[in-house]
N, C-alpha and C. Protein backbone atom coordinates (compact mmCIF):
# COMPACT_ATOMS: atom_id res chain seq x y z
N UNK A 1 119.76 102.62 89.04
CA UNK A 1 119.82 102.96 90.25
C UNK A 1 118.19 103.56 90.49
N UNK A 2 117.54 103.24 91.42
CA UNK A 2 116.17 103.54 91.59
C UNK A 2 116.31 105.25 92.08
N UNK A 3 115.43 106.05 92.04
CA UNK A 3 114.98 107.28 92.39
C UNK A 3 113.94 107.44 93.57
N UNK A 4 114.23 108.80 94.50
CA UNK A 4 113.04 108.92 95.09
C UNK A 4 112.59 110.41 94.91
N UNK A 5 111.32 110.50 94.34
CA UNK A 5 110.80 112.01 94.12
C UNK A 5 109.83 112.18 95.40
N UNK A 6 110.41 113.18 96.13
CA UNK A 6 109.54 113.90 97.23
C UNK A 6 108.97 114.91 96.85
N UNK A 7 107.70 115.07 97.35
CA UNK A 7 106.73 116.02 96.96
C UNK A 7 106.33 116.85 97.90
N UNK A 8 106.62 118.37 97.60
CA UNK A 8 106.36 119.09 98.73
C UNK A 8 105.52 120.56 98.15
N UNK A 9 104.89 121.08 98.94
CA UNK A 9 103.99 122.37 98.66
C UNK A 9 102.91 122.56 99.79
N UNK A 10 102.43 123.62 99.69
CA UNK A 10 101.39 123.98 100.71
C UNK A 10 100.18 123.26 100.42
N UNK A 11 99.31 123.16 101.41
CA UNK A 11 98.10 122.35 101.32
C UNK A 11 97.14 122.85 100.18
N UNK A 12 96.92 121.94 99.36
CA UNK A 12 95.88 122.46 98.14
C UNK A 12 96.51 122.54 96.88
N UNK A 13 98.06 122.15 96.99
CA UNK A 13 98.96 122.52 95.60
C UNK A 13 98.59 121.82 94.70
N UNK A 14 98.37 120.51 95.15
CA UNK A 14 98.58 119.07 94.30
C UNK A 14 99.23 117.85 94.45
N UNK A 15 99.73 117.97 95.70
CA UNK A 15 100.92 117.01 95.99
C UNK A 15 99.96 115.55 95.93
N UNK A 16 98.84 115.19 96.41
CA UNK A 16 98.46 114.18 96.45
C UNK A 16 97.66 113.47 94.97
N UNK A 17 97.41 114.47 94.24
CA UNK A 17 97.08 114.37 92.73
C UNK A 17 98.54 113.81 92.22
N UNK A 18 99.38 114.65 92.36
CA UNK A 18 100.80 114.26 91.54
C UNK A 18 101.50 112.98 92.17
N UNK A 19 101.30 112.64 93.41
CA UNK A 19 101.80 111.55 93.69
C UNK A 19 100.78 110.15 93.03
N UNK A 20 99.48 110.19 92.86
CA UNK A 20 98.47 109.25 92.38
C UNK A 20 99.33 109.31 90.42
N UNK A 21 99.61 110.53 90.18
CA UNK A 21 99.87 110.54 88.70
C UNK A 21 101.20 109.81 88.49
N UNK A 22 102.29 110.05 89.50
CA UNK A 22 103.63 109.35 89.55
C UNK A 22 103.60 108.01 89.59
N UNK A 23 102.73 107.36 90.24
CA UNK A 23 102.34 105.86 90.70
C UNK A 23 102.07 105.38 89.39
N UNK A 24 100.83 106.13 88.84
CA UNK A 24 100.54 105.49 87.65
C UNK A 24 101.66 105.25 86.46
N UNK A 25 102.93 105.71 86.99
CA UNK A 25 103.95 105.60 86.01
C UNK A 25 105.01 104.48 86.52
N UNK A 26 104.36 103.86 87.65
CA UNK A 26 105.24 102.91 88.17
C UNK A 26 105.74 102.76 89.34
N UNK A 27 105.86 104.16 89.83
CA UNK A 27 106.58 104.19 91.06
C UNK A 27 105.58 103.85 92.42
N UNK A 28 106.23 103.16 93.47
CA UNK A 28 105.81 102.76 94.71
C UNK A 28 105.63 104.33 95.68
N UNK A 29 104.26 104.30 96.01
CA UNK A 29 103.89 105.43 96.49
C UNK A 29 104.01 105.56 98.03
N UNK A 30 104.54 106.41 98.92
CA UNK A 30 104.75 106.21 100.10
C UNK A 30 104.41 107.83 100.93
N UNK A 31 103.41 107.53 101.64
CA UNK A 31 103.03 108.87 102.55
C UNK A 31 103.51 108.65 103.79
N UNK A 32 104.40 109.75 104.34
CA UNK A 32 105.04 109.62 105.50
C UNK A 32 104.11 109.36 106.72
N UNK A 33 102.94 109.96 106.61
CA UNK A 33 102.35 109.83 107.77
C UNK A 33 101.30 108.47 107.82
N UNK A 34 101.54 107.44 106.89
CA UNK A 34 100.86 106.33 106.89
C UNK A 34 101.21 105.51 108.01
N UNK A 35 102.40 105.80 108.75
CA UNK A 35 102.88 104.94 109.97
C UNK A 35 101.84 105.50 110.75
N UNK A 36 101.55 106.66 110.96
CA UNK A 36 100.44 107.11 112.03
C UNK A 36 99.15 106.20 111.78
N UNK A 37 98.72 106.29 110.60
CA UNK A 37 97.33 105.77 110.20
C UNK A 37 97.20 104.13 110.51
N UNK A 38 98.42 103.74 110.44
CA UNK A 38 98.55 102.25 110.65
C UNK A 38 98.41 102.15 112.50
N UNK A 39 99.18 103.22 112.97
CA UNK A 39 99.23 102.72 114.40
C UNK A 39 97.84 103.23 115.10
N UNK A 40 96.93 104.12 114.43
CA UNK A 40 95.67 104.54 114.82
C UNK A 40 94.81 103.11 114.33
N UNK A 41 95.15 102.46 113.62
CA UNK A 41 94.18 101.09 113.24
C UNK A 41 94.61 100.11 114.21
N UNK A 42 95.80 99.88 114.60
CA UNK A 42 96.25 98.80 115.46
C UNK A 42 95.57 99.05 116.74
N UNK A 43 95.34 100.24 117.24
CA UNK A 43 95.00 100.86 118.51
C UNK A 43 93.52 101.20 118.47
N UNK A 44 92.86 100.67 117.44
CA UNK A 44 91.52 100.83 117.26
C UNK A 44 90.88 102.23 117.49
N UNK A 45 91.66 103.18 116.91
CA UNK A 45 91.34 104.49 117.11
C UNK A 45 90.87 105.09 115.74
N UNK A 46 90.29 105.99 115.55
CA UNK A 46 89.54 106.39 114.30
C UNK A 46 90.50 107.18 113.60
N UNK A 47 90.69 107.14 112.18
CA UNK A 47 91.74 107.94 111.46
C UNK A 47 91.27 109.35 111.20
N UNK A 48 90.61 109.93 112.01
CA UNK A 48 90.28 111.39 111.95
C UNK A 48 91.38 112.56 111.68
N UNK A 49 91.19 113.40 111.27
CA UNK A 49 92.29 114.77 111.32
C UNK A 49 92.75 115.06 112.72
N UNK A 50 91.97 115.11 113.67
CA UNK A 50 92.31 115.28 115.03
C UNK A 50 93.17 114.27 115.62
N UNK A 51 92.86 112.74 115.57
CA UNK A 51 93.68 111.80 115.77
C UNK A 51 95.17 111.74 115.02
N UNK A 52 95.00 111.96 113.86
CA UNK A 52 96.32 112.30 113.05
C UNK A 52 97.19 113.32 113.63
N UNK A 53 96.62 114.42 113.64
CA UNK A 53 97.54 115.68 114.10
C UNK A 53 98.02 115.47 115.35
N UNK A 54 97.45 114.93 116.26
CA UNK A 54 97.69 114.63 117.59
C UNK A 54 98.81 113.40 117.79
N UNK A 55 98.61 112.26 117.08
CA UNK A 55 99.70 111.57 116.94
C UNK A 55 100.93 112.09 116.26
N UNK A 56 100.80 112.84 115.33
CA UNK A 56 102.02 113.17 114.41
C UNK A 56 102.65 114.52 115.40
N UNK A 57 101.81 115.27 116.38
CA UNK A 57 102.72 115.99 117.04
C UNK A 57 103.43 115.49 118.33
N UNK A 58 102.81 114.18 118.86
CA UNK A 58 103.61 113.49 119.74
C UNK A 58 104.98 113.01 119.40
N UNK A 59 104.56 112.27 117.95
CA UNK A 59 106.10 111.85 117.55
C UNK A 59 106.86 112.94 117.29
N UNK A 60 106.52 113.93 116.88
CA UNK A 60 107.72 115.35 116.66
C UNK A 60 108.00 115.70 118.03
N UNK A 61 107.10 115.71 119.11
CA UNK A 61 107.55 115.94 120.28
C UNK A 61 108.88 114.91 120.94
N UNK A 62 108.64 113.82 120.62
CA UNK A 62 109.49 112.69 121.03
C UNK A 62 110.67 112.69 120.37
N UNK A 63 110.73 112.73 118.86
CA UNK A 63 111.77 112.45 117.99
C UNK A 63 112.33 113.86 117.13
N UNK A 64 111.58 114.68 117.30
CA UNK A 64 112.07 115.95 116.41
C UNK A 64 111.21 116.09 115.48
N UNK A 65 111.62 117.30 114.77
CA UNK A 65 110.83 117.53 113.46
C UNK A 65 111.41 116.57 112.29
N UNK A 66 112.05 115.87 112.35
CA UNK A 66 112.65 114.93 111.22
C UNK A 66 111.90 113.42 111.67
N UNK A 67 110.91 113.40 112.59
CA UNK A 67 110.27 112.18 113.04
C UNK A 67 109.97 111.32 112.25
N UNK A 68 108.76 111.74 110.91
CA UNK A 68 108.37 110.97 110.07
C UNK A 68 109.21 110.50 109.04
N UNK A 69 110.37 111.14 108.85
CA UNK A 69 111.64 110.81 108.06
C UNK A 69 112.32 109.60 108.70
N UNK A 70 112.62 109.84 109.92
CA UNK A 70 113.35 108.61 110.64
C UNK A 70 112.58 107.38 110.63
N UNK A 71 111.28 107.61 111.30
CA UNK A 71 110.55 106.40 111.26
C UNK A 71 110.23 105.69 109.96
N UNK A 72 110.67 106.31 108.81
CA UNK A 72 110.06 105.85 107.71
C UNK A 72 111.35 105.28 106.70
N UNK A 73 112.63 105.59 107.15
CA UNK A 73 113.81 105.07 106.50
C UNK A 73 113.78 103.65 106.16
N UNK A 74 113.51 102.72 107.06
CA UNK A 74 113.68 101.13 106.57
C UNK A 74 112.64 101.22 105.56
N UNK A 75 111.49 101.44 105.57
CA UNK A 75 110.24 101.42 104.71
C UNK A 75 110.99 101.92 103.07
N UNK A 76 111.51 103.27 103.22
CA UNK A 76 111.80 103.48 102.10
C UNK A 76 113.15 102.92 101.38
N UNK A 77 114.15 102.50 102.43
CA UNK A 77 115.03 101.75 101.82
C UNK A 77 114.70 100.39 101.25
N UNK A 78 113.69 99.95 101.62
CA UNK A 78 113.20 98.44 101.34
C UNK A 78 112.46 98.68 99.67
N UNK A 79 111.75 99.71 99.90
CA UNK A 79 111.13 99.89 98.77
C UNK A 79 112.20 100.38 97.44
N UNK A 80 113.01 101.02 97.63
CA UNK A 80 114.03 101.87 96.83
C UNK A 80 114.75 100.67 96.31
N UNK A 81 115.07 99.42 96.88
CA UNK A 81 115.73 98.22 96.49
C UNK A 81 115.04 97.89 95.15
N UNK A 82 113.85 97.89 95.20
CA UNK A 82 113.06 97.20 94.22
C UNK A 82 112.45 98.07 93.23
N UNK A 83 112.22 99.42 93.57
CA UNK A 83 111.48 100.20 92.64
C UNK A 83 111.85 101.78 92.85
N UNK A 84 111.56 102.52 91.91
CA UNK A 84 111.56 104.11 92.16
C UNK A 84 110.48 104.47 93.06
N UNK A 85 110.34 105.33 93.96
CA UNK A 85 109.63 105.66 95.20
C UNK A 85 109.14 107.04 95.17
N UNK A 86 107.97 107.52 95.18
CA UNK A 86 107.37 108.65 95.47
C UNK A 86 106.84 109.02 96.86
N UNK A 87 107.36 110.08 97.65
CA UNK A 87 106.88 110.33 98.58
C UNK A 87 105.95 111.44 98.64
N UNK A 88 104.95 111.41 99.04
CA UNK A 88 103.92 112.50 99.85
C UNK A 88 103.80 112.80 101.20
N UNK A 89 103.78 114.02 101.39
CA UNK A 89 103.94 114.39 103.03
C UNK A 89 105.35 114.79 103.74
N UNK A 90 106.02 115.35 102.60
CA UNK A 90 107.30 116.05 103.23
C UNK A 90 107.08 117.28 103.70
N UNK A 91 107.14 117.70 105.21
CA UNK A 91 106.83 118.58 105.56
C UNK A 91 107.80 119.70 106.18
N UNK A 92 108.85 119.10 106.88
CA UNK A 92 109.69 120.02 107.61
C UNK A 92 111.10 120.13 107.07
N UNK A 93 111.78 121.03 107.42
CA UNK A 93 113.39 121.12 106.88
C UNK A 93 113.92 119.89 107.19
N UNK A 94 113.63 119.61 108.53
CA UNK A 94 114.36 118.53 109.17
C UNK A 94 114.22 117.17 108.58
N UNK A 95 113.00 117.02 108.04
CA UNK A 95 112.73 115.63 107.15
C UNK A 95 113.52 115.82 106.12
N UNK A 96 113.35 116.91 105.36
CA UNK A 96 114.51 117.02 104.27
C UNK A 96 115.74 116.69 104.28
N UNK A 97 116.19 117.21 105.47
CA UNK A 97 117.58 117.18 105.50
C UNK A 97 118.07 115.53 106.01
N UNK A 98 117.44 115.16 106.57
CA UNK A 98 117.50 113.75 107.18
C UNK A 98 117.55 112.69 105.79
N UNK A 99 116.31 113.07 105.01
CA UNK A 99 116.36 111.90 103.98
C UNK A 99 117.18 112.40 102.79
N UNK A 100 117.91 113.65 102.53
CA UNK A 100 118.85 114.29 101.95
C UNK A 100 120.32 113.37 102.27
N UNK A 101 120.19 113.44 103.50
CA UNK A 101 121.96 112.74 104.25
C UNK A 101 121.79 111.31 103.67
N UNK A 102 120.40 110.81 104.14
CA UNK A 102 120.58 109.37 103.82
C UNK A 102 120.38 108.60 102.12
N UNK A 103 119.71 109.56 101.30
CA UNK A 103 119.74 109.13 99.87
C UNK A 103 120.66 109.93 98.82
N UNK A 104 121.12 111.05 99.56
CA UNK A 104 121.86 111.80 98.52
C UNK A 104 121.26 112.31 97.33
N UNK A 105 122.02 112.06 96.06
CA UNK A 105 121.36 112.32 94.80
C UNK A 105 120.39 111.61 94.31
N UNK A 106 119.93 110.38 94.92
CA UNK A 106 118.73 109.56 94.85
C UNK A 106 117.51 110.24 95.20
N UNK A 107 117.63 111.30 96.14
CA UNK A 107 116.56 112.14 96.57
C UNK A 107 116.32 113.23 95.93
N UNK A 108 115.29 113.38 95.37
CA UNK A 108 114.82 114.52 94.61
C UNK A 108 113.55 115.01 94.93
N UNK A 109 113.69 116.40 94.95
CA UNK A 109 112.44 117.11 95.42
C UNK A 109 111.66 118.06 94.56
N UNK A 110 110.67 117.78 94.51
CA UNK A 110 109.79 118.39 93.49
C UNK A 110 108.69 119.36 94.20
N UNK A 111 108.91 120.36 93.94
CA UNK A 111 107.71 121.54 94.61
C UNK A 111 106.54 121.84 93.72
N UNK A 112 105.48 121.78 94.34
CA UNK A 112 104.34 121.84 93.50
C UNK A 112 103.71 123.37 94.23
N UNK A 113 103.44 124.28 93.09
CA UNK A 113 103.00 125.56 93.47
C UNK A 113 101.68 125.83 92.68
N UNK A 114 100.82 126.44 93.51
CA UNK A 114 99.43 127.15 92.93
C UNK A 114 99.35 128.34 93.51
N UNK A 115 98.65 129.18 92.76
CA UNK A 115 98.55 130.71 92.89
C UNK A 115 97.44 130.52 94.13
N UNK A 116 97.94 131.30 95.04
CA UNK A 116 97.36 131.32 96.50
C UNK A 116 95.68 131.67 96.39
N UNK A 117 94.73 132.31 95.66
CA UNK A 117 93.57 132.36 95.74
C UNK A 117 92.90 131.14 95.03
N UNK A 118 93.48 130.46 93.99
CA UNK A 118 93.16 129.27 93.43
C UNK A 118 93.46 128.15 94.28
N UNK A 119 94.49 127.89 95.24
CA UNK A 119 94.45 126.81 96.22
C UNK A 119 93.57 126.97 96.93
N UNK A 120 93.32 128.06 97.73
CA UNK A 120 92.09 128.25 98.51
C UNK A 120 90.60 127.87 97.98
N UNK A 121 90.38 128.26 96.91
CA UNK A 121 89.30 127.79 96.11
C UNK A 121 89.26 126.35 96.18
N UNK A 122 90.26 125.92 95.52
CA UNK A 122 90.23 124.14 95.57
C UNK A 122 89.93 123.49 96.85
N UNK A 123 90.65 124.19 97.87
CA UNK A 123 90.50 123.57 99.18
C UNK A 123 89.09 123.78 99.66
N UNK A 124 88.47 124.90 99.40
CA UNK A 124 87.00 125.00 99.84
C UNK A 124 86.19 123.90 99.29
N UNK A 125 86.52 123.60 98.04
CA UNK A 125 85.78 122.70 97.19
C UNK A 125 86.00 121.28 97.47
N UNK A 126 87.12 120.96 97.91
CA UNK A 126 87.45 119.70 98.31
C UNK A 126 86.42 118.63 99.08
N UNK A 127 86.33 117.52 98.28
CA UNK A 127 85.15 116.56 99.10
C UNK A 127 85.80 116.14 100.53
N UNK A 128 87.04 115.80 100.43
CA UNK A 128 87.55 115.39 101.84
C UNK A 128 88.56 116.32 102.45
N UNK A 129 88.45 116.74 103.35
CA UNK A 129 89.15 117.76 104.25
C UNK A 129 89.01 118.90 103.54
N UNK A 130 87.81 119.31 103.36
CA UNK A 130 87.79 120.79 102.89
C UNK A 130 88.13 121.89 104.09
N UNK A 131 88.69 122.96 103.47
CA UNK A 131 88.95 124.04 104.50
C UNK A 131 88.43 125.37 103.97
N UNK A 132 87.97 126.04 105.09
CA UNK A 132 87.50 127.33 104.78
C UNK A 132 89.08 128.04 104.28
N UNK A 133 88.89 129.35 104.06
CA UNK A 133 89.95 130.16 103.54
C UNK A 133 90.81 130.51 104.73
N UNK A 134 90.16 131.09 105.76
CA UNK A 134 90.75 130.97 107.21
C UNK A 134 91.79 129.95 107.92
N UNK A 135 90.84 128.80 107.44
CA UNK A 135 91.76 127.58 108.20
C UNK A 135 92.89 127.27 107.06
N UNK A 136 92.73 127.40 105.79
CA UNK A 136 93.88 127.23 104.99
C UNK A 136 94.64 128.09 105.11
N UNK A 137 94.46 129.55 105.53
CA UNK A 137 95.62 130.35 105.66
C UNK A 137 96.54 130.38 107.09
N UNK A 138 95.53 130.01 108.11
CA UNK A 138 96.25 129.40 109.26
C UNK A 138 97.06 128.28 109.16
N UNK A 139 96.72 127.11 108.45
CA UNK A 139 97.57 126.09 108.14
C UNK A 139 98.83 126.38 107.39
N UNK A 140 98.88 127.42 106.27
CA UNK A 140 100.00 127.91 105.61
C UNK A 140 100.83 128.49 106.83
N UNK A 141 100.50 129.31 107.48
CA UNK A 141 101.35 130.24 108.45
C UNK A 141 102.19 129.08 109.09
N UNK A 142 101.11 128.08 109.81
CA UNK A 142 101.75 126.88 110.83
C UNK A 142 102.97 126.55 110.08
N UNK A 143 102.60 125.64 108.93
CA UNK A 143 103.62 125.08 108.22
C UNK A 143 104.89 125.95 107.84
N UNK A 144 104.68 126.98 107.61
CA UNK A 144 105.83 127.84 107.17
C UNK A 144 106.62 128.22 108.51
N UNK A 145 106.16 128.74 109.63
CA UNK A 145 106.59 129.23 110.55
C UNK A 145 107.16 128.06 111.60
N UNK A 146 106.21 127.24 111.94
CA UNK A 146 106.66 126.16 113.02
C UNK A 146 107.15 124.82 112.34
N UNK A 147 106.99 124.36 111.02
CA UNK A 147 107.48 123.27 110.50
C UNK A 147 108.51 123.53 109.54
N UNK A 148 109.08 124.69 109.45
CA UNK A 148 109.89 125.34 108.51
C UNK A 148 109.89 124.77 106.93
N UNK A 149 108.58 124.63 106.60
CA UNK A 149 108.17 124.08 105.06
C UNK A 149 108.83 124.92 104.13
N UNK A 150 109.24 126.03 104.35
CA UNK A 150 109.70 126.85 103.23
C UNK A 150 110.99 126.32 102.77
N UNK A 151 111.61 125.97 103.68
CA UNK A 151 113.01 125.16 103.45
C UNK A 151 113.05 124.03 102.33
N UNK A 152 112.06 122.87 102.58
CA UNK A 152 112.39 122.14 101.34
C UNK A 152 111.66 122.61 100.07
N UNK A 153 110.83 123.70 99.97
CA UNK A 153 110.30 124.40 98.89
C UNK A 153 111.25 125.06 98.18
N UNK A 154 112.03 125.85 99.08
CA UNK A 154 113.18 126.50 98.37
C UNK A 154 114.45 125.96 97.73
N UNK A 155 114.59 124.53 98.51
CA UNK A 155 115.86 123.56 98.09
C UNK A 155 115.25 122.71 97.06
N UNK A 156 114.11 122.64 96.61
CA UNK A 156 113.59 121.70 95.64
C UNK A 156 114.44 121.69 94.52
N UNK A 157 114.65 120.70 93.75
CA UNK A 157 115.38 120.47 92.51
C UNK A 157 114.76 120.90 91.56
N UNK A 158 113.31 120.67 91.46
CA UNK A 158 112.33 121.18 90.38
C UNK A 158 110.93 121.65 90.88
N UNK A 159 110.36 122.55 90.34
CA UNK A 159 109.31 123.52 90.40
C UNK A 159 108.27 123.09 89.56
N UNK A 160 107.09 122.87 89.86
CA UNK A 160 105.92 122.50 88.90
C UNK A 160 104.59 123.67 89.22
N UNK A 161 103.95 124.20 88.35
CA UNK A 161 103.01 125.01 88.93
C UNK A 161 101.74 124.44 88.45
N UNK A 162 100.78 124.54 89.13
CA UNK A 162 99.52 123.70 89.16
C UNK A 162 98.22 124.76 89.00
N UNK A 163 98.34 125.50 87.94
CA UNK A 163 97.40 126.75 87.61
C UNK A 163 96.37 126.44 86.58
N UNK A 164 96.40 125.15 86.05
CA UNK A 164 95.99 124.90 84.77
C UNK A 164 94.58 123.85 85.00
N UNK A 165 94.56 123.25 84.06
CA UNK A 165 93.47 121.84 83.69
C UNK A 165 94.44 120.84 84.50
N UNK A 166 93.82 119.59 85.08
CA UNK A 166 94.24 118.31 85.52
C UNK A 166 95.17 117.65 84.34
N UNK A 167 94.59 117.83 83.10
CA UNK A 167 95.19 117.20 82.00
C UNK A 167 96.42 118.00 81.49
N UNK A 168 96.82 119.23 81.81
CA UNK A 168 97.70 120.04 81.71
C UNK A 168 99.09 119.49 82.94
N UNK A 169 98.52 119.43 84.02
CA UNK A 169 99.39 119.19 85.27
C UNK A 169 99.73 117.96 84.88
N UNK A 170 98.83 116.84 84.63
CA UNK A 170 99.33 115.49 84.31
C UNK A 170 100.68 115.30 83.38
N UNK A 171 100.31 116.07 82.39
CA UNK A 171 101.62 116.26 81.23
C UNK A 171 102.75 116.98 82.21
N UNK A 172 102.32 117.83 82.61
CA UNK A 172 103.83 118.41 83.24
C UNK A 172 104.26 117.45 84.30
N UNK A 173 103.64 116.61 85.07
CA UNK A 173 104.04 115.45 85.91
C UNK A 173 104.93 114.48 85.23
N UNK A 174 104.05 113.99 84.10
CA UNK A 174 104.66 112.84 83.24
C UNK A 174 106.07 113.08 82.65
N UNK A 175 106.10 114.50 82.13
CA UNK A 175 107.18 114.92 81.36
C UNK A 175 108.39 115.06 82.59
N UNK A 176 108.35 115.64 83.84
CA UNK A 176 109.18 115.86 84.62
C UNK A 176 109.69 114.29 85.15
N UNK A 177 108.68 113.62 85.58
CA UNK A 177 108.96 112.16 86.08
C UNK A 177 110.07 111.55 85.22
N UNK A 178 109.91 111.65 83.76
CA UNK A 178 110.53 111.01 82.83
C UNK A 178 112.08 111.58 82.61
N UNK A 179 112.04 112.81 82.90
CA UNK A 179 113.29 113.63 82.93
C UNK A 179 114.16 113.07 84.10
N UNK A 180 113.40 112.91 85.20
CA UNK A 180 114.23 112.46 86.55
C UNK A 180 114.52 111.10 86.36
N UNK A 181 113.86 110.09 85.91
CA UNK A 181 114.22 108.83 85.72
C UNK A 181 115.38 108.73 84.70
N UNK A 182 115.30 109.38 83.58
CA UNK A 182 116.73 109.35 82.63
C UNK A 182 117.85 110.01 83.15
N UNK A 183 117.72 110.95 84.25
CA UNK A 183 118.91 111.48 84.71
C UNK A 183 119.16 113.05 84.10
N UNK A 184 120.07 113.60 84.42
CA UNK A 184 120.47 114.84 83.72
C UNK A 184 120.55 114.60 82.33
N UNK A 185 121.69 113.65 81.96
CA UNK A 185 122.06 113.56 80.68
C UNK A 185 121.18 113.04 79.61
N UNK A 186 119.77 112.74 79.91
CA UNK A 186 118.96 112.19 79.25
C UNK A 186 119.04 110.79 79.06
N UNK A 187 120.01 110.10 79.71
CA UNK A 187 119.59 108.52 79.55
C UNK A 187 119.54 107.87 80.70
N UNK A 188 118.86 106.88 81.00
CA UNK A 188 118.35 105.84 81.85
C UNK A 188 119.38 105.61 82.62
N UNK A 189 119.30 106.09 84.21
CA UNK A 189 120.46 105.41 85.01
C UNK A 189 120.27 104.35 85.27
């Protein structure tokens, strides 16, 4: 039976890097906000952060805080039939609850944590979507208070810290991914 690894963590913790590393192990990658990007492209709108944020907010106002999970269910189900799936972009407790209800034990959440100042430093130095410390801090508070992001982090099946080198982070991700694929008893499911 194929599995879903959903990555959660605050901005700059390493979720996108983890997704890429897990995809290298053969998983199919899904970003929950890809449906927003696809819609913007279809409507000839720029895929900038403002348009993405406005579209995301519009969907959440229309469908609730589980909107991106609900709108991706068919895609996840279809991919899961043929392969393991890694999801980046799990933000809200409501998304977590929707995906857990739908996929039960196949849905495994991995929280990625990075020390605060290191995370802010990485965000400042990021080539795409760089944030100042103030912007990053404001985003953290918004995600925790308005999107209930602390819920999926607290309910994660596994935690990985990303305070070291990329090579060490990659090894941690690889080890955990293999553990998840094999299941609790160490045998392949």
